[in-house]
Amino acid sequence: MPMRLLRLLLPVLILAVAAGGYVWLERSGPTPPASEVAEREWLVDTITVQPATHHPRLTLTGEVGNPDRVPVKAPLQARVKAVPVTDGEAVEPGELLVALDPADYDPILRRAEANLADLEAQLSQARRAHDSDQAALAIEQALVDNAERSLERTRNLRQRDLASPSEVEAARDAVNQARLAVTARDERVATFDARLASLKARRDAARADVADARRDIQRSRFEAPSTGLVADRQVAVGSRVNANETLLTFLPRDGFEVRALIPSRNTGILLRALARNEPPRAEAEMLGDNVELRLVRLAGEASPRGVVGLFEFESPGEQLRPGTVISLALVMPAIDNAIALPRSALYGNDRVYRVRDGELERVLVEHLGTTRLNGEQRALIRSDDLSAGDRIATTQLPNAVSGLRVRLDENTEATQ
C-alpha cells in the first residue's frame, strides 16, 4: 500500500519542483530595459498659401427653354396644302413651313370685298340723294307759298260769293299736301347725317372684314421669320384643321435661354454686376461642345432656395433643344484675398488643416466656390486665420484632427 501511494505522488512532486525552479529563475534573472513605442507620423502633401484676386465659379443646373417660341395656328378652317418641314428640322429665314389651301379662304375675301364695294356705292348714292333733297326742299317750299296764296284768294272770292265752298276746300287740301311734302323732304334732309354715319360705320366694318380676310390669307402661308428650329409638328398634307388649331411650333435660334436657380447668398453680388452693365459669363458643355453664356437678368420672383437666373447663349447652336438639362459654371465677380486650393485640402465644406511644427491644426474657412487655375479645378476659400506662406495639407486623411503628427513630402510641395 505505501509503495503504491509513493508511485502516485512521485510525478506530482517532480512537476512541483520544476515549477518552483522556473519561478526562482524568472525572479532572480536581470530585468530587460522597457521598449519605447514611437508615435506614427503621416506623410502628407502641402500647398503654400498665396492670397490673390480670383473669380469664383458657381456650379448650377439649368434647363434650356425658348420663351420666344411661336405657335403657328390656322387662321380659319381649311385644308393643309403643304408642310415641307419635319419636326426638329433647322430652317433659314423665308423658308416655307406650312401653307393652307387657297380654295378655302379665297371666297371669304371675295365676299368681304363685294360687301365693301356695295357699301361704298350706297354712300355715294346717299350723298347724291341728299343734294337732290336740298334742291327739292326749296322748290316744295315755294309750292307751299303758292298754295297758301291761292287759298287766300279763294276765300276772298267765297266772301263775295264768287267761289263755291268746294273750291275753298280744294285750295285748303292743296296747301296741306304741299306742307306735307315739305315736312317729308325736310325730315330726309335732317336725318341725312345719321344715315350717312350708319353707312360709314357699316363701310368701316366691311373694310375690317376685308383686312381680316387678307390677314388670314397671309397667315395661311407661314414662312420662317428668322433662323430657327421646327418643333411639335401636328399636321400632314391634306389634313383638315379648325380655326386657331396649332399646326406646328417655330423656335427662333436667338430665343434660346437657360433658366437656373441661383442661391440667395449669391444674388446680391450678381445684381450689382448687372447694374454696372457687367453681366457675368458662364460656361457649359453640350453634346461634347463647349458653349458660352451670359447672365442677362434675374427673375422677378424669388423663393426660399434662391432666385432663377436667365442666361443667353453667346452663339446659339443647332444642338439646342427645349427641356435639355445642363450643368453650367457661372463665373462670379472677382473676390480679393481669396485662396485657391486643391479640392482634397477641404474637409467638409468649412475647414482645412494647416501644418505647423509637424502637427495638423484645424482652420475654419468660408467656402466661396470653385475656380480654374492653370487649367485645373480648385476650391476657393477665404479665412482671416490664414496668411501668405502658411502650408495647407492637401492629402486627405481619414483621421485628420488637430495635433495629429505629420511629415511633409518635400518633393510634392506646391504653390498656388
Protein backbone atom coordinates (compact mmCIF):
# COMPACT_ATOMS: atom_id res chain seq x y z
CA MET A 1 0.00 0.00 0.00
CA PRO A 2 2.76 2.61 0.86
CA MET A 3 4.62 1.72 -2.36
CA ARG A 4 1.52 2.27 -4.46
CA LEU A 5 0.89 5.70 -2.90
CA LEU A 6 4.53 6.66 -3.49
CA ARG A 7 4.23 5.86 -7.19
CA LEU A 8 1.16 8.09 -7.48
CA LEU A 9 2.72 11.09 -5.69
CA LEU A 10 6.12 10.96 -7.41
CA PRO A 11 5.03 12.63 -10.71
CA VAL A 12 3.30 15.37 -8.78
CA LEU A 13 6.41 16.10 -6.76
CA ILE A 14 8.54 16.25 -9.88
CA LEU A 15 6.19 18.81 -11.51
CA ALA A 16 6.11 20.94 -8.36
CA VAL A 17 9.92 21.03 -8.14
CA ALA A 18 10.19 22.04 -11.84
CA ALA A 19 7.64 24.85 -11.49
CA GLY A 20 9.35 26.20 -8.40
CA GLY A 21 12.69 26.22 -10.16
CA TYR A 22 11.26 28.18 -13.14
CA VAL A 23 9.73 30.80 -10.88
CA TRP A 24 13.01 31.21 -8.98
CA LEU A 25 14.99 31.65 -12.22
CA GLU A 26 12.46 34.19 -13.57
CA ARG A 27 12.62 36.35 -10.48
CA SER A 28 16.37 36.15 -9.96
CA GLY A 29 17.34 36.96 -13.59
CA PRO A 30 18.26 40.50 -14.95
CA THR A 31 15.33 42.85 -15.85
CA PRO A 32 15.30 43.79 -19.64
CA PRO A 33 15.02 47.53 -20.47
CA ALA A 34 11.48 48.76 -21.39
CA SER A 35 10.95 49.36 -25.16
CA GLU A 36 9.72 52.76 -26.29
CA VAL A 37 6.86 52.88 -28.93
CA ALA A 38 7.44 55.76 -31.40
CA GLU A 39 4.35 57.84 -32.38
CA ARG A 40 3.42 57.41 -36.07
CA GLU A 41 3.86 60.33 -38.48
CA TRP A 42 1.60 60.56 -41.51
CA LEU A 43 3.13 61.57 -44.82
CA VAL A 44 1.22 64.48 -46.39
CA ASP A 45 1.48 66.78 -49.39
CA THR A 46 1.15 70.50 -48.80
CA ILE A 47 0.48 73.72 -50.68
CA THR A 48 1.71 77.19 -49.78
CA VAL A 49 -0.99 79.81 -49.23
CA GLN A 50 -0.88 82.79 -51.58
CA PRO A 51 -3.99 85.05 -51.23
CA ALA A 52 -4.92 86.72 -54.50
CA THR A 53 -7.86 88.01 -56.55
CA HIS A 54 -9.93 85.18 -58.01
CA HIS A 55 -13.23 84.68 -59.83
CA PRO A 56 -15.32 82.04 -58.04
CA ARG A 57 -17.12 79.57 -60.27
CA LEU A 58 -20.61 78.61 -59.11
CA THR A 59 -21.86 75.28 -60.45
CA LEU A 60 -25.56 75.44 -61.41
CA THR A 61 -28.07 73.11 -63.00
CA GLY A 62 -30.24 74.75 -65.64
CA GLU A 63 -32.88 73.89 -68.21
CA VAL A 64 -32.86 75.09 -71.80
CA GLY A 65 -36.01 76.92 -72.89
CA ASN A 66 -37.25 79.25 -75.59
CA PRO A 67 -39.75 81.90 -74.41
CA ASP A 68 -39.85 83.39 -77.93
CA ARG A 69 -41.40 80.21 -79.37
CA VAL A 70 -44.09 80.91 -81.98
CA PRO A 71 -47.05 78.52 -82.18
CA VAL A 72 -48.25 78.54 -85.81
CA LYS A 73 -52.07 78.34 -85.77
CA ALA A 74 -54.64 78.03 -88.54
CA PRO A 75 -56.40 81.42 -89.03
CA LEU A 76 -59.55 79.70 -90.34
CA GLN A 77 -60.96 76.30 -91.11
CA ALA A 78 -59.12 74.92 -94.12
CA ARG A 79 -57.22 72.01 -95.57
CA VAL A 80 -53.43 71.81 -95.35
CA LYS A 81 -51.84 72.13 -98.77
CA ALA A 82 -48.12 71.86 -97.92
CA VAL A 83 -45.88 71.07 -94.93
CA PRO A 84 -42.34 70.89 -96.39
CA VAL A 85 -40.58 70.67 -92.99
CA THR A 86 -40.28 67.98 -90.36
CA ASP A 87 -40.14 68.02 -86.57
CA GLY A 88 -36.65 69.03 -85.37
CA GLU A 89 -35.55 70.45 -88.73
CA ALA A 90 -33.40 73.60 -88.79
CA VAL A 91 -34.74 76.30 -91.13
CA GLU A 92 -33.50 79.59 -92.55
CA PRO A 93 -35.31 82.94 -92.87
CA GLY A 94 -38.04 82.92 -95.55
CA GLU A 95 -38.27 79.14 -95.73
CA LEU A 96 -41.87 77.87 -96.06
CA LEU A 97 -43.10 75.98 -93.01
CA VAL A 98 -46.79 75.34 -93.75
CA ALA A 99 -49.43 76.51 -96.27
CA LEU A 100 -53.22 76.13 -96.37
CA ASP A 101 -55.33 75.53 -99.49
CA PRO A 102 -56.35 78.86 -101.15
CA ALA A 103 -59.67 77.32 -102.23
CA ASP A 104 -60.81 77.52 -98.60
CA TYR A 105 -60.11 81.20 -97.95
CA ASP A 106 -60.34 82.97 -101.35
CA PRO A 107 -64.21 83.00 -101.33
CA ILE A 108 -64.19 84.66 -97.89
CA LEU A 109 -62.04 87.50 -99.21
CA ARG A 110 -64.18 87.92 -102.33
CA ARG A 111 -67.39 88.17 -100.29
CA ALA A 112 -65.82 90.73 -97.95
CA GLU A 113 -64.59 92.83 -100.88
CA ALA A 114 -68.03 92.66 -102.58
CA ASN A 115 -69.78 93.83 -99.39
CA LEU A 116 -67.34 96.72 -99.10
CA ALA A 117 -67.92 97.77 -102.71
CA ASP A 118 -71.72 97.71 -102.17
CA LEU A 119 -71.45 99.95 -99.11
CA GLU A 120 -69.18 102.39 -100.94
CA ALA A 121 -71.82 102.62 -103.67
CA GLN A 122 -74.58 103.20 -101.09
CA LEU A 123 -72.57 106.04 -99.58
CA SER A 124 -72.12 107.69 -102.96
CA GLN A 125 -75.83 107.34 -103.72
CA ALA A 126 -76.80 108.75 -100.34
CA ARG A 127 -74.70 111.87 -100.92
CA ARG A 128 -76.29 112.47 -104.37
CA ALA A 129 -79.78 111.94 -102.94
CA HIS A 130 -79.03 114.47 -100.22
CA ASP A 131 -78.07 117.09 -102.80
CA SER A 132 -81.34 116.40 -104.67
CA ASP A 133 -83.36 116.61 -101.44
CA GLN A 134 -81.91 120.02 -100.62
CA ALA A 135 -82.79 121.36 -104.06
CA ALA A 136 -86.29 119.81 -103.96
CA LEU A 137 -86.92 121.24 -100.49
CA ALA A 138 -86.56 124.80 -101.81
CA ILE A 139 -88.94 124.07 -104.69
CA GLU A 140 -91.52 122.40 -102.45
CA GLN A 141 -91.37 125.33 -100.02
CA ALA A 142 -92.17 127.65 -102.94
CA LEU A 143 -95.14 125.40 -103.81
CA VAL A 144 -96.40 125.78 -100.23
CA ASP A 145 -96.25 129.58 -100.58
CA ASN A 146 -98.18 129.45 -103.85
CA ALA A 147 -100.81 127.13 -102.39
CA GLU A 148 -101.30 129.41 -99.38
CA ARG A 149 -101.78 132.47 -101.65
CA SER A 150 -104.26 130.53 -103.79
CA LEU A 151 -106.22 129.55 -100.69
CA GLU A 152 -106.35 133.19 -99.56
CA ARG A 153 -107.70 134.30 -102.98
CA THR A 154 -110.33 131.55 -102.98
CA ARG A 155 -111.51 132.60 -99.53
CA ASN A 156 -111.88 136.23 -100.72
CA LEU A 157 -113.89 135.08 -103.70
CA ARG A 158 -116.09 132.98 -101.45
CA GLN A 159 -116.86 136.03 -99.30
CA ARG A 160 -118.13 137.77 -102.45
CA ASP A 161 -119.99 134.59 -103.49
CA LEU A 162 -117.69 134.22 -106.46
CA ALA A 163 -116.37 130.79 -105.37
CA SER A 164 -118.08 127.72 -104.06
CA PRO A 165 -117.27 126.04 -100.72
CA SER A 166 -115.83 123.07 -102.60
CA GLU A 167 -113.30 125.31 -104.27
CA VAL A 168 -112.19 126.64 -100.89
CA GLU A 169 -111.87 123.09 -99.60
CA ALA A 170 -109.82 122.08 -102.63
CA ALA A 171 -107.47 125.03 -102.11
CA ARG A 172 -107.06 124.08 -98.44
CA ASP A 173 -106.21 120.48 -99.41
CA ALA A 174 -103.58 121.73 -101.86
CA VAL A 175 -101.91 123.72 -99.07
CA ASN A 176 -101.90 120.70 -96.75
CA GLN A 177 -100.47 118.47 -99.47
CA ALA A 178 -97.68 120.96 -100.18
CA ARG A 179 -96.86 121.31 -96.47
CA LEU A 180 -96.80 117.51 -96.09
CA ALA A 181 -94.31 117.20 -98.94
CA VAL A 182 -92.08 119.85 -97.36
CA THR A 183 -92.21 118.10 -93.99
CA ALA A 184 -91.19 114.76 -95.53
CA ARG A 185 -88.41 116.35 -97.54
CA ASP A 186 -87.16 118.30 -94.53
CA GLU A 187 -87.11 115.07 -92.50
CA ARG A 188 -84.90 113.40 -95.12
CA VAL A 189 -82.53 116.35 -95.13
CA ALA A 190 -82.41 116.50 -91.31
CA THR A 191 -81.69 112.76 -90.92
CA PHE A 192 -79.05 112.64 -93.64
CA ASP A 193 -76.11 112.94 -91.22
CA ALA A 194 -77.38 110.00 -89.14
CA ARG A 195 -77.97 107.84 -92.22
CA LEU A 196 -74.56 108.81 -93.55
CA ALA A 197 -72.87 107.89 -90.21
CA SER A 198 -74.63 104.50 -90.24
CA LEU A 199 -73.44 103.77 -93.77
CA LYS A 200 -69.91 104.85 -92.86
CA ALA A 201 -69.91 102.55 -89.83
CA ARG A 202 -71.04 99.64 -92.00
CA ARG A 203 -68.41 100.61 -94.55
CA ASP A 204 -65.69 100.63 -91.86
CA ALA A 205 -66.83 97.22 -90.60
CA ALA A 206 -66.65 95.91 -94.16
CA ARG A 207 -63.13 97.29 -94.51
CA ALA A 208 -62.18 95.49 -91.30
CA ASP A 209 -63.65 92.26 -92.72
CA VAL A 210 -61.53 92.68 -95.84
CA ALA A 211 -58.43 93.37 -93.73
CA ASP A 212 -59.16 90.29 -91.61
CA ALA A 213 -59.59 88.14 -94.69
CA ARG A 214 -56.35 89.41 -96.22
CA ARG A 215 -54.51 88.89 -92.92
CA ASP A 216 -55.87 85.35 -92.73
CA ILE A 217 -54.58 84.75 -96.25
CA GLN A 218 -51.14 85.97 -95.18
CA ARG A 219 -51.25 83.75 -92.11
CA SER A 220 -52.35 80.76 -94.16
CA ARG A 221 -48.82 80.69 -95.56
CA PHE A 222 -46.25 80.84 -92.76
CA GLU A 223 -42.57 81.37 -93.52
CA ALA A 224 -39.69 81.26 -91.04
CA PRO A 225 -39.10 84.84 -89.80
CA SER A 226 -35.52 84.01 -88.79
CA THR A 227 -33.10 81.14 -88.37
CA GLY A 228 -34.67 78.59 -86.10
CA LEU A 229 -35.99 75.15 -85.41
CA VAL A 230 -39.28 73.37 -86.18
CA ALA A 231 -40.91 71.58 -83.26
CA ASP A 232 -44.18 69.85 -82.41
CA ARG A 233 -45.46 69.37 -85.96
CA GLN A 234 -49.13 68.34 -85.66
CA VAL A 235 -50.46 68.07 -89.24
CA ALA A 236 -49.78 66.49 -92.61
CA VAL A 237 -50.71 67.40 -96.18
CA GLY A 238 -54.46 67.04 -96.68
CA SER A 239 -55.35 67.40 -93.00
CA ARG A 240 -58.50 69.38 -92.25
CA VAL A 241 -57.82 71.89 -89.47
CA ASN A 242 -60.07 74.20 -87.48
CA ALA A 243 -59.56 77.88 -86.75
CA ASN A 244 -56.90 78.51 -84.03
CA GLU A 245 -55.68 74.92 -84.20
CA THR A 246 -51.89 74.64 -83.69
CA LEU A 247 -50.13 73.32 -86.80
CA LEU A 248 -46.50 73.40 -85.58
CA THR A 249 -44.15 75.46 -83.40
CA PHE A 250 -41.27 77.63 -84.56
CA LEU A 251 -38.31 78.14 -82.22
CA PRO A 252 -36.11 81.13 -83.17
CA ARG A 253 -32.42 80.38 -82.75
CA ASP A 254 -31.78 83.62 -80.88
CA GLY A 255 -34.62 82.91 -78.45
CA PHE A 256 -32.95 80.04 -76.60
CA GLU A 257 -32.03 80.65 -72.97
CA VAL A 258 -31.16 78.71 -69.82
CA ARG A 259 -33.01 79.10 -66.53
CA ALA A 260 -31.01 78.07 -63.45
CA LEU A 261 -31.65 78.52 -59.74
CA ILE A 262 -29.03 80.73 -58.06
CA PRO A 263 -28.65 80.50 -54.25
CA SER A 264 -29.87 83.55 -52.34
CA ARG A 265 -26.42 84.27 -50.87
CA ASN A 266 -25.06 84.97 -54.38
CA THR A 267 -27.83 87.18 -55.76
CA GLY A 268 -26.64 90.47 -54.25
CA ILE A 269 -23.23 90.50 -55.94
CA LEU A 270 -24.82 89.42 -59.24
CA LEU A 271 -27.42 92.20 -59.13
CA ARG A 272 -24.65 94.75 -58.55
CA ALA A 273 -22.70 93.37 -61.51
CA LEU A 274 -25.78 93.61 -63.76
CA ALA A 275 -26.42 97.18 -62.57
CA ARG A 276 -22.86 98.07 -63.65
CA ASN A 277 -23.64 96.56 -67.07
CA GLU A 278 -21.07 93.85 -66.43
CA PRO A 279 -23.07 90.64 -66.99
CA PRO A 280 -21.27 87.60 -65.53
CA ARG A 281 -20.44 84.88 -68.03
CA ALA A 282 -20.98 81.16 -67.73
CA GLU A 283 -19.64 78.04 -69.40
CA ALA A 284 -21.29 74.71 -70.15
CA GLU A 285 -20.81 71.59 -72.23
CA MET A 286 -23.47 70.29 -74.60
CA LEU A 287 -23.05 67.16 -76.71
CA GLY A 288 -19.29 67.45 -76.37
CA ASP A 289 -19.17 71.12 -77.39
CA ASN A 290 -18.21 73.93 -75.04
CA VAL A 291 -20.75 76.76 -75.09
CA GLU A 292 -20.57 80.21 -73.56
CA LEU A 293 -23.45 82.07 -71.96
CA ARG A 294 -24.01 85.33 -70.11
CA LEU A 295 -26.35 86.19 -67.27
CA VAL A 296 -28.80 88.80 -68.60
CA ARG A 297 -31.26 89.15 -65.72
CA LEU A 298 -32.71 87.63 -62.58
CA ALA A 299 -36.34 86.56 -62.36
CA GLY A 300 -38.85 88.93 -60.79
CA GLU A 301 -39.81 86.47 -58.03
CA ALA A 302 -37.65 84.55 -55.59
CA SER A 303 -38.13 81.50 -53.37
CA PRO A 304 -36.54 80.41 -50.08
CA ARG A 305 -33.99 78.46 -52.14
CA GLY A 306 -32.93 81.42 -54.29
CA VAL A 307 -33.85 83.21 -57.48
CA VAL A 308 -33.88 81.99 -61.08
CA GLY A 309 -31.17 83.42 -63.32
CA LEU A 310 -31.74 83.72 -67.06
CA PHE A 311 -28.76 83.08 -69.31
CA GLU A 312 -28.45 83.79 -73.04
CA PHE A 313 -26.16 81.87 -75.39
CA GLU A 314 -23.36 83.85 -76.97
CA SER A 315 -23.55 81.73 -80.15
CA PRO A 316 -26.67 79.54 -80.18
CA GLY A 317 -26.01 76.26 -81.98
CA GLU A 318 -28.18 73.70 -83.73
CA GLN A 319 -27.83 71.30 -80.79
CA LEU A 320 -30.12 73.40 -78.57
CA ARG A 321 -33.42 71.76 -77.64
CA PRO A 322 -36.00 72.99 -75.10
CA GLY A 323 -36.10 70.88 -71.97
CA THR A 324 -32.41 69.91 -72.07
CA VAL A 325 -30.88 69.91 -68.57
CA ILE A 326 -27.28 71.12 -68.46
CA SER A 327 -24.67 71.87 -65.84
CA LEU A 328 -23.08 75.29 -66.16
CA ALA A 329 -20.32 77.08 -64.32
CA LEU A 330 -21.17 80.70 -63.52
CA VAL A 331 -18.06 82.89 -63.26
CA MET A 332 -18.76 85.21 -60.36
CA PRO A 333 -17.32 88.73 -59.96
CA ALA A 334 -13.75 88.88 -58.62
CA ILE A 335 -13.08 88.48 -54.90
CA ASP A 336 -9.92 89.82 -53.21
CA ASN A 337 -7.79 87.86 -50.72
CA ALA A 338 -9.17 84.54 -51.87
CA ILE A 339 -7.15 81.31 -51.69
CA ALA A 340 -7.27 78.60 -54.36
CA LEU A 341 -6.60 75.09 -53.05
CA PRO A 342 -6.93 71.56 -54.41
CA ARG A 343 -10.32 70.10 -53.55
CA SER A 344 -8.58 67.44 -51.45
CA ALA A 345 -7.44 70.12 -48.99
CA LEU A 346 -11.02 70.91 -47.99
CA TYR A 347 -12.70 68.86 -45.28
CA GLY A 348 -16.46 69.04 -45.26
CA ASN A 349 -17.25 72.47 -46.57
CA ASP A 350 -15.75 74.72 -43.94
CA ARG A 351 -12.31 73.61 -42.74
CA VAL A 352 -8.74 72.91 -43.80
CA TYR A 353 -5.67 71.74 -41.86
CA ARG A 354 -2.57 73.88 -41.60
CA VAL A 355 0.76 72.13 -40.96
CA ARG A 356 2.67 73.77 -38.13
CA ASP A 357 5.60 72.26 -36.17
CA GLY A 358 4.93 68.82 -37.61
CA GLU A 359 1.29 68.75 -36.50
CA LEU A 360 -2.09 69.43 -38.09
CA GLU A 361 -4.01 72.49 -36.99
CA ARG A 362 -7.66 72.93 -37.96
CA VAL A 363 -8.65 76.24 -39.53
CA LEU A 364 -12.28 77.22 -40.24
CA VAL A 365 -12.79 78.80 -43.67
CA GLU A 366 -15.52 80.27 -45.86
CA HIS A 367 -16.04 78.19 -49.00
CA LEU A 368 -16.57 80.65 -51.88
CA GLY A 369 -17.00 78.10 -54.65
CA THR A 370 -14.55 76.83 -57.24
CA THR A 371 -12.21 78.40 -59.77
CA ARG A 372 -9.86 77.33 -62.52
CA LEU A 373 -6.14 77.87 -62.02
CA ASN A 374 -3.57 76.76 -64.58
CA GLY A 375 -6.25 74.66 -66.25
CA GLU A 376 -7.16 72.82 -63.03
CA GLN A 377 -10.29 72.98 -60.91
CA ARG A 378 -9.59 74.44 -57.45
CA ALA A 379 -11.67 75.07 -54.35
CA LEU A 380 -11.81 78.76 -53.47
CA ILE A 381 -11.78 79.72 -49.78
CA ARG A 382 -11.24 82.72 -47.56
CA SER A 383 -10.21 82.97 -43.90
CA ASP A 384 -8.77 85.68 -41.66
CA ASP A 385 -6.79 82.96 -39.85
CA LEU A 386 -4.68 82.10 -42.92
CA SER A 387 -1.70 84.16 -44.04
CA ALA A 388 0.58 84.11 -47.03
CA GLY A 389 3.21 81.41 -46.63
CA ASP A 390 1.09 79.07 -44.49
CA ARG A 391 1.26 75.45 -45.59
CA ILE A 392 -2.01 73.59 -46.01
CA ALA A 393 -2.21 69.80 -46.10
CA THR A 394 -3.66 68.58 -49.40
CA THR A 395 -3.61 64.85 -48.60
CA GLN A 396 -7.00 63.64 -47.40
CA LEU A 397 -6.53 61.82 -44.10
CA PRO A 398 -9.49 59.85 -42.71
CA ASN A 399 -8.30 60.51 -39.17
CA ALA A 400 -7.38 64.17 -39.64
CA VAL A 401 -7.59 66.04 -36.35
CA SER A 402 -5.74 68.89 -34.69
CA GLY A 403 -2.50 67.65 -33.14
CA LEU A 404 -2.04 64.69 -35.49
CA ARG A 405 1.68 64.21 -36.23
CA VAL A 406 2.56 64.52 -39.91
CA ARG A 407 5.66 64.55 -42.03
CA LEU A 408 5.93 66.73 -45.12
CA ASP A 409 6.63 65.23 -48.52
CA GLU A 410 9.17 67.81 -49.64
CA ASN A 411 9.14 66.50 -53.21
CA THR A 412 5.49 67.30 -53.77
CA GLU A 413 5.15 70.67 -52.06
CA ALA A 414 3.25 73.01 -54.36
CA THR A 415 2.14 76.60 -54.53
CA GLN A 416 -0.94 78.13 -55.98
